[in-house]
Amino acid sequence: MSRLQPLPEALFSDGRGSWHAFLTKFEINSGIYEWEDAEKRDYLCLCLTDKASQYYALVMDRKLELGYLEIVDKPERRFSYREMPETARVTFSGARQGNEE
Protein backbone atom coordinates (compact mmCIF):
# COMPACT_ATOMS: atom_id res chain seq x y z
CA MET A 1 0.00 0.00 0.00
CA SER A 2 1.43 3.36 -0.97
CA ARG A 3 1.67 6.32 1.34
CA LEU A 4 -0.82 9.13 1.05
CA GLN A 5 0.47 11.72 -1.39
CA PRO A 6 -0.45 15.41 -1.21
CA LEU A 7 -3.05 16.48 -3.73
CA PRO A 8 -2.66 19.69 -5.74
CA GLU A 9 -5.05 22.44 -4.62
CA ALA A 10 -6.62 22.51 -8.08
CA LEU A 11 -7.52 18.83 -7.87
CA PHE A 12 -10.87 19.19 -6.13
CA SER A 13 -14.43 19.15 -7.43
CA ASP A 14 -17.62 20.27 -5.74
CA GLY A 15 -19.83 19.18 -8.62
CA ARG A 16 -20.46 22.72 -9.86
CA GLY A 17 -17.47 23.12 -12.17
CA SER A 18 -16.63 21.10 -15.25
CA TRP A 19 -16.55 17.41 -14.35
CA HIS A 20 -14.63 16.65 -17.55
CA ALA A 21 -11.90 19.19 -16.70
CA PHE A 22 -11.61 17.84 -13.16
CA LEU A 23 -11.45 14.24 -14.33
CA THR A 24 -8.78 15.07 -16.91
CA LYS A 25 -6.58 16.63 -14.20
CA PHE A 26 -7.30 13.71 -11.86
CA GLU A 27 -6.29 11.15 -14.50
CA ILE A 28 -3.06 13.03 -15.26
CA ASN A 29 -2.23 13.13 -11.55
CA SER A 30 -3.02 9.43 -11.14
CA GLY A 31 -0.67 8.66 -14.04
CA ILE A 32 2.16 10.68 -12.50
CA TYR A 33 1.89 8.76 -9.21
CA GLU A 34 1.05 5.45 -10.96
CA TRP A 35 -2.03 4.78 -8.85
CA GLU A 36 -3.80 1.44 -9.13
CA ASP A 37 -7.59 1.42 -9.52
CA ALA A 38 -8.18 1.00 -5.77
CA GLU A 39 -5.93 4.01 -5.07
CA LYS A 40 -7.72 6.06 -7.72
CA ARG A 41 -11.04 5.25 -6.07
CA ASP A 42 -9.71 6.32 -2.66
CA TYR A 43 -8.08 9.52 -3.92
CA LEU A 44 -11.21 10.40 -5.88
CA CYS A 45 -13.12 10.33 -2.61
CA LEU A 46 -10.59 12.75 -1.08
CA CYS A 47 -10.89 15.14 -4.04
CA LEU A 48 -14.66 15.55 -3.90
CA THR A 49 -16.34 18.20 -1.77
CA ASP A 50 -19.86 19.52 -1.17
CA LYS A 51 -22.53 18.00 -3.46
CA ALA A 52 -20.04 15.81 -5.32
CA SER A 53 -18.85 14.31 -2.03
CA GLN A 54 -22.42 13.72 -0.89
CA TYR A 55 -23.24 11.99 -4.17
CA TYR A 56 -20.10 9.82 -3.90
CA ALA A 57 -21.11 8.76 -0.38
CA LEU A 58 -24.62 7.94 -1.58
CA VAL A 59 -23.27 5.80 -4.43
CA MET A 60 -20.81 4.00 -2.16
CA ASP A 61 -23.49 3.32 0.47
CA ARG A 62 -25.53 1.46 -2.13
CA LYS A 63 -22.72 -0.66 -3.62
CA LEU A 64 -19.44 -1.07 -1.75
CA GLU A 65 -17.77 -3.22 -4.39
CA LEU A 66 -17.75 -0.70 -7.25
CA GLY A 67 -14.54 -0.37 -9.22
CA TYR A 68 -12.95 2.95 -10.13
CA LEU A 69 -14.46 3.13 -13.63
CA GLU A 70 -17.94 2.36 -12.32
CA ILE A 71 -17.60 5.06 -9.67
CA VAL A 72 -16.36 7.66 -12.16
CA ASP A 73 -19.22 6.91 -14.53
CA LYS A 74 -21.94 7.79 -12.01
CA PRO A 75 -20.86 11.35 -11.12
CA GLU A 76 -19.93 11.92 -14.75
CA ARG A 77 -23.54 11.26 -15.73
CA ARG A 78 -24.76 13.40 -12.84
CA PHE A 79 -22.40 16.41 -13.06
CA SER A 80 -21.30 16.53 -16.71
CA TYR A 81 -22.70 19.15 -19.04
CA ARG A 82 -25.37 17.83 -21.33
CA GLU A 83 -26.82 19.82 -24.19
CA MET A 84 -30.60 20.05 -24.12
CA PRO A 85 -32.23 18.04 -26.95
CA GLU A 86 -33.92 21.18 -28.27
CA THR A 87 -30.61 23.01 -28.46
CA ALA A 88 -29.01 20.09 -30.26
CA ARG A 89 -31.85 19.99 -32.81
CA VAL A 90 -31.59 23.72 -33.53
CA THR A 91 -27.81 23.49 -33.88
CA PHE A 92 -28.13 20.49 -36.20
CA SER A 93 -30.86 22.04 -38.35
CA GLY A 94 -28.77 25.20 -38.81
CA ALA A 95 -25.61 23.30 -39.74
CA ARG A 96 -24.38 23.56 -43.33
CA GLN A 97 -21.90 21.37 -45.09
CA GLY A 98 -18.69 23.07 -46.09
CA ASN A 99 -17.28 23.02 -49.65
CA GLU A 100 -14.57 20.48 -48.79
CA GLU A 101 -16.71 18.25 -46.58
PDB file of N, CA and C in Angstrom:
ATOM      1  N   MET A   1       0.862  -1.184   0.000  1.00  0.00           N
ATOM      2  CA  MET A   1       0.000   0.000   0.000  1.00  0.00           C
ATOM      3  C   MET A   1       0.903   1.240   0.000  1.00  0.00           C
ATOM      4  N   SER A   2       0.613   2.160  -0.868  1.00  0.00           N
ATOM      5  CA  SER A   2       1.426   3.364  -0.968  1.00  0.00           C
ATOM      6  C   SER A   2       1.032   4.368   0.110  1.00  0.00           C
ATOM      7  N   ARG A   3       1.939   5.259   0.367  1.00  0.00           N
ATOM      8  CA  ARG A   3       1.674   6.322   1.341  1.00  0.00           C
ATOM      9  C   ARG A   3       0.792   7.379   0.704  1.00  0.00           C
ATOM     10  N   LEU A   4       0.049   8.054   1.519  1.00  0.00           N
ATOM     11  CA  LEU A   4      -0.821   9.126   1.054  1.00  0.00           C
ATOM     12  C   LEU A   4       0.029  10.259   0.481  1.00  0.00           C
ATOM     13  N   GLN A   5      -0.282  10.664  -0.728  1.00  0.00           N
ATOM     14  CA  GLN A   5       0.467  11.724  -1.394  1.00  0.00           C
ATOM     15  C   GLN A   5      -0.358  13.002  -1.369  1.00  0.00           C
ATOM     16  N   PRO A   6       0.302  14.143  -1.230  1.00  0.00           N
ATOM     17  CA  PRO A   6      -0.451  15.406  -1.207  1.00  0.00           C
ATOM     18  C   PRO A   6      -1.105  15.666  -2.561  1.00  0.00           C
ATOM     19  N   LEU A   7      -2.316  16.176  -2.510  1.00  0.00           N
ATOM     20  CA  LEU A   7      -3.052  16.484  -3.734  1.00  0.00           C
ATOM     21  C   LEU A   7      -2.890  17.955  -4.080  1.00  0.00           C
ATOM     22  N   PRO A   8      -2.726  18.276  -5.354  1.00  0.00           N
ATOM     23  CA  PRO A   8      -2.659  19.690  -5.745  1.00  0.00           C
ATOM     24  C   PRO A   8      -3.955  20.404  -5.371  1.00  0.00           C
ATOM     25  N   GLU A   9      -3.864  21.672  -5.021  1.00  0.00           N
ATOM     26  CA  GLU A   9      -5.047  22.438  -4.624  1.00  0.00           C
ATOM     27  C   GLU A   9      -6.098  22.485  -5.722  1.00  0.00           C
ATOM     28  N   ALA A  10      -5.675  22.431  -6.967  1.00  0.00           N
ATOM     29  CA  ALA A  10      -6.617  22.515  -8.082  1.00  0.00           C
ATOM     30  C   ALA A  10      -7.303  21.179  -8.370  1.00  0.00           C
ATOM     31  N   LEU A  11      -6.987  20.160  -7.604  1.00  0.00           N
ATOM     32  CA  LEU A  11      -7.516  18.828  -7.871  1.00  0.00           C
ATOM     33  C   LEU A  11      -8.692  18.501  -6.955  1.00  0.00           C
ATOM     34  N   PHE A  12      -9.665  19.388  -6.932  1.00  0.00           N
ATOM     35  CA  PHE A  12     -10.869  19.185  -6.135  1.00  0.00           C
ATOM     36  C   PHE A  12     -12.081  19.544  -6.979  1.00  0.00           C
ATOM     37  N   SER A  13     -13.190  18.854  -6.716  1.00  0.00           N
ATOM     38  CA  SER A  13     -14.428  19.147  -7.429  1.00  0.00           C
ATOM     39  C   SER A  13     -15.580  19.167  -6.446  1.00  0.00           C
ATOM     40  N   ASP A  14     -16.427  20.179  -6.577  1.00  0.00           N
ATOM     41  CA  ASP A  14     -17.623  20.268  -5.740  1.00  0.00           C
ATOM     42  C   ASP A  14     -18.874  19.915  -6.528  1.00  0.00           C
ATOM     43  N   GLY A  15     -18.706  19.538  -7.778  1.00  0.00           N
ATOM     44  CA  GLY A  15     -19.833  19.178  -8.622  1.00  0.00           C
ATOM     45  C   GLY A  15     -20.402  20.342  -9.409  1.00  0.00           C
ATOM     46  N   ARG A  16     -19.933  21.547  -9.141  1.00  0.00           N
ATOM     47  CA  ARG A  16     -20.457  22.718  -9.857  1.00  0.00           C
ATOM     48  C   ARG A  16     -19.621  23.090 -11.069  1.00  0.00           C
ATOM     49  N   GLY A  17     -18.335  22.800 -11.033  1.00  0.00           N
ATOM     50  CA  GLY A  17     -17.466  23.116 -12.170  1.00  0.00           C
ATOM     51  C   GLY A  17     -17.535  22.020 -13.218  1.00  0.00           C
ATOM     52  N   SER A  18     -16.667  22.085 -14.171  1.00  0.00           N
ATOM     53  CA  SER A  18     -16.632  21.104 -15.247  1.00  0.00           C
ATOM     54  C   SER A  18     -16.118  19.764 -14.729  1.00  0.00           C
ATOM     55  N   TRP A  19     -16.961  18.751 -14.787  1.00  0.00           N
ATOM     56  CA  TRP A  19     -16.549  17.408 -14.351  1.00  0.00           C
ATOM     57  C   TRP A  19     -15.468  16.872 -15.287  1.00  0.00           C
ATOM     58  N   HIS A  20     -15.608  17.127 -16.575  1.00  0.00           N
ATOM     59  CA  HIS A  20     -14.628  16.653 -17.552  1.00  0.00           C
ATOM     60  C   HIS A  20     -13.244  17.247 -17.276  1.00  0.00           C
ATOM     61  N   ALA A  21     -13.183  18.541 -16.995  1.00  0.00           N
ATOM     62  CA  ALA A  21     -11.897  19.187 -16.702  1.00  0.00           C
ATOM     63  C   ALA A  21     -11.289  18.607 -15.424  1.00  0.00           C
ATOM     64  N   PHE A  22     -12.113  18.427 -14.400  1.00  0.00           N
ATOM     65  CA  PHE A  22     -11.614  17.840 -13.156  1.00  0.00           C
ATOM     66  C   PHE A  22     -11.082  16.438 -13.401  1.00  0.00           C
ATOM     67  N   LEU A  23     -11.847  15.623 -14.114  1.00  0.00           N
ATOM     68  CA  LEU A  23     -11.450  14.235 -14.328  1.00  0.00           C
ATOM     69  C   LEU A  23     -10.179  14.143 -15.158  1.00  0.00           C
ATOM     70  N   THR A  24     -10.003  15.049 -16.115  1.00  0.00           N
ATOM     71  CA  THR A  24      -8.777  15.075 -16.908  1.00  0.00           C
ATOM     72  C   THR A  24      -7.572  15.340 -16.018  1.00  0.00           C
ATOM     73  N   LYS A  25      -7.676  16.330 -15.131  1.00  0.00           N
ATOM     74  CA  LYS A  25      -6.577  16.626 -14.197  1.00  0.00           C
ATOM     75  C   LYS A  25      -6.343  15.451 -13.247  1.00  0.00           C
ATOM     76  N   PHE A  26      -7.421  14.844 -12.781  1.00  0.00           N
ATOM     77  CA  PHE A  26      -7.304  13.715 -11.857  1.00  0.00           C
ATOM     78  C   PHE A  26      -6.580  12.549 -12.529  1.00  0.00           C
ATOM     79  N   GLU A  27      -6.927  12.252 -13.776  1.00  0.00           N
ATOM     80  CA  GLU A  27      -6.291  11.146 -14.503  1.00  0.00           C
ATOM     81  C   GLU A  27      -4.807  11.428 -14.748  1.00  0.00           C
ATOM     82  N   ILE A  28      -4.469  12.671 -15.064  1.00  0.00           N
ATOM     83  CA  ILE A  28      -3.056  13.028 -15.258  1.00  0.00           C
ATOM     84  C   ILE A  28      -2.289  12.823 -13.957  1.00  0.00           C
ATOM     85  N   ASN A  29      -2.869  13.291 -12.856  1.00  0.00           N
ATOM     86  CA  ASN A  29      -2.233  13.134 -11.551  1.00  0.00           C
ATOM     87  C   ASN A  29      -2.077  11.658 -11.184  1.00  0.00           C
ATOM     88  N   SER A  30      -3.099  10.863 -11.469  1.00  0.00           N
ATOM     89  CA  SER A  30      -3.020   9.434 -11.142  1.00  0.00           C
ATOM     90  C   SER A  30      -1.951   8.736 -11.979  1.00  0.00           C
ATOM     91  N   GLY A  31      -1.732   9.211 -13.201  1.00  0.00           N
ATOM     92  CA  GLY A  31      -0.668   8.659 -14.035  1.00  0.00           C
ATOM     93  C   GLY A  31       0.716   9.016 -13.522  1.00  0.00           C
ATOM     94  N   ILE A  32       0.869  10.234 -13.037  1.00  0.00           N
ATOM     95  CA  ILE A  32       2.155  10.676 -12.497  1.00  0.00           C
ATOM     96  C   ILE A  32       2.561   9.812 -11.307  1.00  0.00           C
ATOM     97  N   TYR A  33       1.601   9.539 -10.422  1.00  0.00           N
ATOM     98  CA  TYR A  33       1.886   8.757  -9.215  1.00  0.00           C
ATOM     99  C   TYR A  33       1.661   7.255  -9.409  1.00  0.00           C
ATOM    100  N   GLU A  34       1.252   6.852 -10.618  1.00  0.00           N
ATOM    101  CA  GLU A  34       1.050   5.446 -10.963  1.00  0.00           C
ATOM    102  C   GLU A  34       0.099   4.744  -9.985  1.00  0.00           C
ATOM    103  N   TRP A  35      -1.053   5.375  -9.751  1.00  0.00           N
ATOM    104  CA  TRP A  35      -2.034   4.784  -8.853  1.00  0.00           C
ATOM    105  C   TRP A  35      -2.727   3.599  -9.503  1.00  0.00           C
ATOM    106  N   GLU A  36      -2.972   2.571  -8.713  1.00  0.00           N
ATOM    107  CA  GLU A  36      -3.798   1.443  -9.130  1.00  0.00           C
ATOM    108  C   GLU A  36      -5.258   1.872  -9.023  1.00  0.00           C
ATOM    109  N   ASP A  37      -6.176   1.063  -9.546  1.00  0.00           N
ATOM    110  CA  ASP A  37      -7.592   1.419  -9.524  1.00  0.00           C
ATOM    111  C   ASP A  37      -8.118   1.658  -8.107  1.00  0.00           C
ATOM    112  N   ALA A  38      -7.711   0.831  -7.152  1.00  0.00           N
ATOM    113  CA  ALA A  38      -8.178   1.003  -5.768  1.00  0.00           C
ATOM    114  C   ALA A  38      -7.696   2.340  -5.204  1.00  0.00           C
ATOM    115  N   GLU A  39      -6.460   2.722  -5.530  1.00  0.00           N
ATOM    116  CA  GLU A  39      -5.933   4.007  -5.070  1.00  0.00           C
ATOM    117  C   GLU A  39      -6.669   5.165  -5.740  1.00  0.00           C
ATOM    118  N   LYS A  40      -6.963   5.020  -7.024  1.00  0.00           N
ATOM    119  CA  LYS A  40      -7.721   6.063  -7.725  1.00  0.00           C
ATOM    120  C   LYS A  40      -9.070   6.270  -7.058  1.00  0.00           C
ATOM    121  N   ARG A  41      -9.733   5.162  -6.717  1.00  0.00           N
ATOM    122  CA  ARG A  41     -11.041   5.248  -6.066  1.00  0.00           C
ATOM    123  C   ARG A  41     -10.922   5.994  -4.731  1.00  0.00           C
ATOM    124  N   ASP A  42      -9.896   5.671  -3.953  1.00  0.00           N
ATOM    125  CA  ASP A  42      -9.711   6.322  -2.655  1.00  0.00           C
ATOM    126  C   ASP A  42      -9.362   7.796  -2.797  1.00  0.00           C
ATOM    127  N   TYR A  43      -8.458   8.116  -3.721  1.00  0.00           N
ATOM    128  CA  TYR A  43      -8.082   9.515  -3.924  1.00  0.00           C
ATOM    129  C   TYR A  43      -9.239  10.333  -4.505  1.00  0.00           C
ATOM    130  N   LEU A  44     -10.050   9.706  -5.348  1.00  0.00           N
ATOM    131  CA  LEU A  44     -11.215  10.405  -5.883  1.00  0.00           C
ATOM    132  C   LEU A  44     -12.115  10.852  -4.736  1.00  0.00           C
ATOM    133  N   CYS A  45     -12.309   9.980  -3.773  1.00  0.00           N
ATOM    134  CA  CYS A  45     -13.120  10.331  -2.607  1.00  0.00           C
ATOM    135  C   CYS A  45     -12.554  11.558  -1.893  1.00  0.00           C
ATOM    136  N   LEU A  46     -11.240  11.624  -1.761  1.00  0.00           N
ATOM    137  CA  LEU A  46     -10.592  12.746  -1.078  1.00  0.00           C
ATOM    138  C   LEU A  46     -10.671  14.047  -1.871  1.00  0.00           C
ATOM    139  N   CYS A  47     -10.859  13.952  -3.181  1.00  0.00           N
ATOM    140  CA  CYS A  47     -10.891  15.137  -4.043  1.00  0.00           C
ATOM    141  C   CYS A  47     -12.279  15.747  -4.178  1.00  0.00           C
ATOM    142  N   LEU A  48     -13.297  15.058  -3.729  1.00  0.00           N
ATOM    143  CA  LEU A  48     -14.659  15.547  -3.901  1.00  0.00           C
ATOM    144  C   LEU A  48     -15.129  16.281  -2.658  1.00  0.00           C
ATOM    145  N   THR A  49     -15.808  17.406  -2.874  1.00  0.00           N
ATOM    146  CA  THR A  49     -16.345  18.203  -1.771  1.00  0.00           C
ATOM    147  C   THR A  49     -17.810  18.519  -2.048  1.00  0.00           C
ATOM    148  N   ASP A  50     -18.479  19.059  -1.061  1.00  0.00           N
ATOM    149  CA  ASP A  50     -19.864  19.518  -1.171  1.00  0.00           C
ATOM    150  C   ASP A  50     -20.778  18.476  -1.819  1.00  0.00           C
ATOM    151  N   LYS A  51     -21.532  18.884  -2.840  1.00  0.00           N
ATOM    152  CA  LYS A  51     -22.526  18.002  -3.459  1.00  0.00           C
ATOM    153  C   LYS A  51     -21.883  16.780  -4.114  1.00  0.00           C
ATOM    154  N   ALA A  52     -20.712  16.948  -4.692  1.00  0.00           N
ATOM    155  CA  ALA A  52     -20.038  15.811  -5.319  1.00  0.00           C
ATOM    156  C   ALA A  52     -19.654  14.773  -4.269  1.00  0.00           C
ATOM    157  N   SER A  53     -19.198  15.218  -3.120  1.00  0.00           N
ATOM    158  CA  SER A  53     -18.849  14.307  -2.030  1.00  0.00           C
ATOM    159  C   SER A  53     -20.082  13.596  -1.489  1.00  0.00           C
ATOM    160  N   GLN A  54     -21.168  14.325  -1.362  1.00  0.00           N
ATOM    161  CA  GLN A  54     -22.416  13.725  -0.891  1.00  0.00           C
ATOM    162  C   GLN A  54     -22.904  12.665  -1.869  1.00  0.00           C
ATOM    163  N   TYR A  55     -22.804  12.957  -3.156  1.00  0.00           N
ATOM    164  CA  TYR A  55     -23.238  11.991  -4.166  1.00  0.00           C
ATOM    165  C   TYR A  55     -22.348  10.754  -4.134  1.00  0.00           C
ATOM    166  N   TYR A  56     -21.042  10.942  -3.985  1.00  0.00           N
ATOM    167  CA  TYR A  56     -20.103   9.821  -3.904  1.00  0.00           C
ATOM    168  C   TYR A  56     -20.466   8.926  -2.717  1.00  0.00           C
ATOM    169  N   ALA A  57     -20.747   9.534  -1.577  1.00  0.00           N
ATOM    170  CA  ALA A  57     -21.111   8.759  -0.384  1.00  0.00           C
ATOM    171  C   ALA A  57     -22.406   7.985  -0.621  1.00  0.00           C
ATOM    172  N   LEU A  58     -23.357   8.601  -1.277  1.00  0.00           N
ATOM    173  CA  LEU A  58     -24.619   7.938  -1.580  1.00  0.00           C
ATOM    174  C   LEU A  58     -24.394   6.722  -2.483  1.00  0.00           C
ATOM    175  N   VAL A  59     -23.574   6.891  -3.509  1.00  0.00           N
ATOM    176  CA  VAL A  59     -23.271   5.798  -4.434  1.00  0.00           C
ATOM    177  C   VAL A  59     -22.554   4.672  -3.697  1.00  0.00           C
ATOM    178  N   MET A  60     -21.590   5.013  -2.868  1.00  0.00           N
ATOM    179  CA  MET A  60     -20.815   3.996  -2.161  1.00  0.00           C
ATOM    180  C   MET A  60     -21.651   3.283  -1.103  1.00  0.00           C
ATOM    181  N   ASP A  61     -22.616   3.959  -0.508  1.00  0.00           N
ATOM    182  CA  ASP A  61     -23.490   3.317   0.467  1.00  0.00           C
ATOM    183  C   ASP A  61     -24.330   2.227  -0.186  1.00  0.00           C
ATOM    184  N   ARG A  62     -24.675   2.433  -1.422  1.00  0.00           N
ATOM    185  CA  ARG A  62     -25.526   1.464  -2.131  1.00  0.00           C
ATOM    186  C   ARG A  62     -24.749   0.240  -2.592  1.00  0.00           C
ATOM    187  N   LYS A  63     -23.529   0.451  -3.101  1.00  0.00           N
ATOM    188  CA  LYS A  63     -22.719  -0.662  -3.616  1.00  0.00           C
ATOM    189  C   LYS A  63     -21.272  -0.459  -3.202  1.00  0.00           C
ATOM    190  N   LEU A  64     -20.805  -1.239  -2.262  1.00  0.00           N
ATOM    191  CA  LEU A  64     -19.444  -1.073  -1.751  1.00  0.00           C
ATOM    192  C   LEU A  64     -18.376  -1.655  -2.674  1.00  0.00           C
ATOM    193  N   GLU A  65     -18.751  -2.534  -3.562  1.00  0.00           N
ATOM    194  CA  GLU A  65     -17.770  -3.219  -4.392  1.00  0.00           C
ATOM    195  C   GLU A  65     -17.581  -2.598  -5.775  1.00  0.00           C
ATOM    196  N   LEU A  66     -17.914  -1.351  -5.943  1.00  0.00           N
ATOM    197  CA  LEU A  66     -17.745  -0.702  -7.250  1.00  0.00           C
ATOM    198  C   LEU A  66     -16.272  -0.460  -7.536  1.00  0.00           C
ATOM    199  N   GLY A  67     -15.891  -0.678  -8.790  1.00  0.00           N
ATOM    200  CA  GLY A  67     -14.538  -0.367  -9.222  1.00  0.00           C
ATOM    201  C   GLY A  67     -14.415   1.106  -9.577  1.00  0.00           C
ATOM    202  N   TYR A  68     -13.210   1.541  -9.823  1.00  0.00           N
ATOM    203  CA  TYR A  68     -12.949   2.951 -10.127  1.00  0.00           C
ATOM    204  C   TYR A  68     -13.760   3.441 -11.328  1.00  0.00           C
ATOM    205  N   LEU A  69     -13.746   2.687 -12.425  1.00  0.00           N
ATOM    206  CA  LEU A  69     -14.455   3.133 -13.632  1.00  0.00           C
ATOM    207  C   LEU A  69     -15.961   3.225 -13.405  1.00  0.00           C
ATOM    208  N   GLU A  70     -16.518   2.310 -12.629  1.00  0.00           N
ATOM    209  CA  GLU A  70     -17.944   2.364 -12.317  1.00  0.00           C
ATOM    210  C   GLU A  70     -18.271   3.584 -11.469  1.00  0.00           C
ATOM    211  N   ILE A  71     -17.371   3.903 -10.545  1.00  0.00           N
ATOM    212  CA  ILE A  71     -17.597   5.061  -9.675  1.00  0.00           C
ATOM    213  C   ILE A  71     -17.493   6.355 -10.466  1.00  0.00           C
ATOM    214  N   VAL A  72     -16.538   6.452 -11.360  1.00  0.00           N
ATOM    215  CA  VAL A  72     -16.356   7.659 -12.162  1.00  0.00           C
ATOM    216  C   VAL A  72     -17.549   7.879 -13.091  1.00  0.00           C
ATOM    217  N   ASP A  73     -18.112   6.811 -13.596  1.00  0.00           N
ATOM    218  CA  ASP A  73     -19.224   6.913 -14.534  1.00  0.00           C
ATOM    219  C   ASP A  73     -20.446   7.567 -13.901  1.00  0.00           C
ATOM    220  N   LYS A  74     -20.732   7.268 -12.659  1.00  0.00           N
ATOM    221  CA  LYS A  74     -21.944   7.791 -12.015  1.00  0.00           C
ATOM    222  C   LYS A  74     -21.903   9.309 -11.826  1.00  0.00           C
ATOM    223  N   PRO A  75     -20.870   9.882 -11.210  1.00  0.00           N
ATOM    224  CA  PRO A  75     -20.857  11.350 -11.117  1.00  0.00           C
ATOM    225  C   PRO A  75     -20.710  12.021 -12.473  1.00  0.00           C
ATOM    226  N   GLU A  76     -20.063  11.343 -13.413  1.00  0.00           N
ATOM    227  CA  GLU A  76     -19.929  11.922 -14.750  1.00  0.00           C
ATOM    228  C   GLU A  76     -21.308  12.115 -15.367  1.00  0.00           C
ATOM    229  N   ARG A  77     -22.179  11.120 -15.209  1.00  0.00           N
ATOM    230  CA  ARG A  77     -23.537  11.260 -15.729  1.00  0.00           C
ATOM    231  C   ARG A  77     -24.316  12.311 -14.957  1.00  0.00           C
ATOM    232  N   ARG A  78     -24.011  12.453 -13.670  1.00  0.00           N
ATOM    233  CA  ARG A  78     -24.759  13.403 -12.844  1.00  0.00           C
ATOM    234  C   ARG A  78     -24.277  14.844 -13.024  1.00  0.00           C
ATOM    235  N   PHE A  79     -22.958  15.057 -13.085  1.00  0.00           N
ATOM    236  CA  PHE A  79     -22.403  16.411 -13.057  1.00  0.00           C
ATOM    237  C   PHE A  79     -21.878  16.919 -14.390  1.00  0.00           C
ATOM    238  N   SER A  80     -21.808  16.076 -15.420  1.00  0.00           N
ATOM    239  CA  SER A  80     -21.298  16.534 -16.709  1.00  0.00           C
ATOM    240  C   SER A  80     -22.333  17.388 -17.417  1.00  0.00           C
ATOM    241  N   TYR A  81     -21.830  18.296 -18.233  1.00  0.00           N
ATOM    242  CA  TYR A  81     -22.699  19.154 -19.035  1.00  0.00           C
ATOM    243  C   TYR A  81     -23.345  18.312 -20.113  1.00  0.00           C
ATOM    244  N   ARG A  82     -24.643  18.483 -20.257  1.00  0.00           N
ATOM    245  CA  ARG A  82     -25.373  17.825 -21.334  1.00  0.00           C
ATOM    246  C   ARG A  82     -26.177  18.878 -22.077  1.00  0.00           C
ATOM    247  N   GLU A  83     -26.063  18.867 -23.374  1.00  0.00           N
ATOM    248  CA  GLU A  83     -26.818  19.815 -24.187  1.00  0.00           C
ATOM    249  C   GLU A  83     -28.287  19.388 -24.205  1.00  0.00           C
ATOM    250  N   MET A  84     -29.177  20.337 -24.070  1.00  0.00           N
ATOM    251  CA  MET A  84     -30.600  20.047 -24.117  1.00  0.00           C
ATOM    252  C   MET A  84     -30.957  19.538 -25.511  1.00  0.00           C
ATOM    253  N   PRO A  85     -31.868  18.570 -25.626  1.00  0.00           N
ATOM    254  CA  PRO A  85     -32.230  18.038 -26.948  1.00  0.00           C
ATOM    255  C   PRO A  85     -32.703  19.119 -27.913  1.00  0.00           C
ATOM    256  N   GLU A  86     -33.433  20.107 -27.402  1.00  0.00           N
ATOM    257  CA  GLU A  86     -33.925  21.179 -28.269  1.00  0.00           C
ATOM    258  C   GLU A  86     -32.768  21.986 -28.844  1.00  0.00           C
ATOM    259  N   THR A  87     -31.782  22.264 -28.017  1.00  0.00           N
ATOM    260  CA  THR A  87     -30.606  23.014 -28.463  1.00  0.00           C
ATOM    261  C   THR A  87     -29.852  22.223 -29.517  1.00  0.00           C
ATOM    262  N   ALA A  88     -29.711  20.932 -29.294  1.00  0.00           N
ATOM    263  CA  ALA A  88     -29.008  20.086 -30.264  1.00  0.00           C
ATOM    264  C   ALA A  88     -29.740  20.066 -31.599  1.00  0.00           C
ATOM    265  N   ARG A  89     -31.069  20.004 -31.564  1.00  0.00           N
ATOM    266  CA  ARG A  89     -31.851  19.995 -32.806  1.00  0.00           C
ATOM    267  C   ARG A  89     -31.685  21.299 -33.574  1.00  0.00           C
ATOM    268  N   VAL A  90     -31.740  22.420 -32.882  1.00  0.00           N
ATOM    269  CA  VAL A  90     -31.587  23.723 -33.532  1.00  0.00           C
ATOM    270  C   VAL A  90     -30.195  23.848 -34.130  1.00  0.00           C
ATOM    271  N   THR A  91     -29.187  23.435 -33.390  1.00  0.00           N
ATOM    272  CA  THR A  91     -27.809  23.488 -33.881  1.00  0.00           C
ATOM    273  C   THR A  91     -27.666  22.612 -35.118  1.00  0.00           C
ATOM    274  N   PHE A  92     -28.229  21.406 -35.070  1.00  0.00           N
ATOM    275  CA  PHE A  92     -28.134  20.486 -36.202  1.00  0.00           C
ATOM    276  C   PHE A  92     -28.871  21.024 -37.425  1.00  0.00           C
ATOM    277  N   SER A  93     -30.074  21.563 -37.214  1.00  0.00           N
ATOM    278  CA  SER A  93     -30.856  22.037 -38.349  1.00  0.00           C
ATOM    279  C   SER A  93     -30.217  23.268 -39.010  1.00  0.00           C
ATOM    280  N   GLY A  94     -29.427  24.019 -38.256  1.00  0.00           N
ATOM    281  CA  GLY A  94     -28.771  25.197 -38.810  1.00  0.00           C
ATOM    282  C   GLY A  94     -27.403  24.911 -39.386  1.00  0.00           C
ATOM    283  N   ALA A  95     -26.937  23.663 -39.250  1.00  0.00           N
ATOM    284  CA  ALA A  95     -25.610  23.303 -39.741  1.00  0.00           C
ATOM    285  C   ALA A  95     -25.609  23.205 -41.261  1.00  0.00           C
ATOM    286  N   ARG A  96     -24.530  23.633 -41.867  1.00  0.00           N
ATOM    287  CA  ARG A  96     -24.382  23.561 -43.326  1.00  0.00           C
ATOM    288  C   ARG A  96     -23.060  22.876 -43.640  1.00  0.00           C
ATOM    289  N   GLN A  97     -23.086  22.066 -44.671  1.00  0.00           N
ATOM    290  CA  GLN A  97     -21.899  21.367 -45.095  1.00  0.00           C
ATOM    291  C   GLN A  97     -20.954  22.312 -45.814  1.00  0.00           C
ATOM    292  N   GLY A  98     -19.675  22.240 -45.449  1.00  0.00           N
ATOM    293  CA  GLY A  98     -18.685  23.071 -46.090  1.00  0.00           C
ATOM    294  C   GLY A  98     -18.337  22.559 -47.482  1.00  0.00           C
ATOM    295  N   ASN A  99     -17.631  23.381 -48.279  1.00  0.00           N
ATOM    296  CA  ASN A  99     -17.280  23.016 -49.647  1.00  0.00           C
ATOM    297  C   ASN A  99     -16.401  21.778 -49.719  1.00  0.00           C
ATOM    298  N   GLU A 100     -15.501  21.596 -48.749  1.00  0.00           N
ATOM    299  CA  GLU A 100     -14.575  20.483 -48.793  1.00  0.00           C
ATOM    300  C   GLU A 100     -15.016  19.310 -47.936  1.00  0.00           C
ATOM    301  N   GLU A 101     -16.234  19.331 -47.436  1.00  0.00           N
ATOM    302  CA  GLU A 101     -16.710  18.248 -46.583  1.00  0.00           C
ATOM    303  C   GLU A 101     -17.484  17.229 -47.381  1.00  0.00           C
TER     304      GLU A 101
END
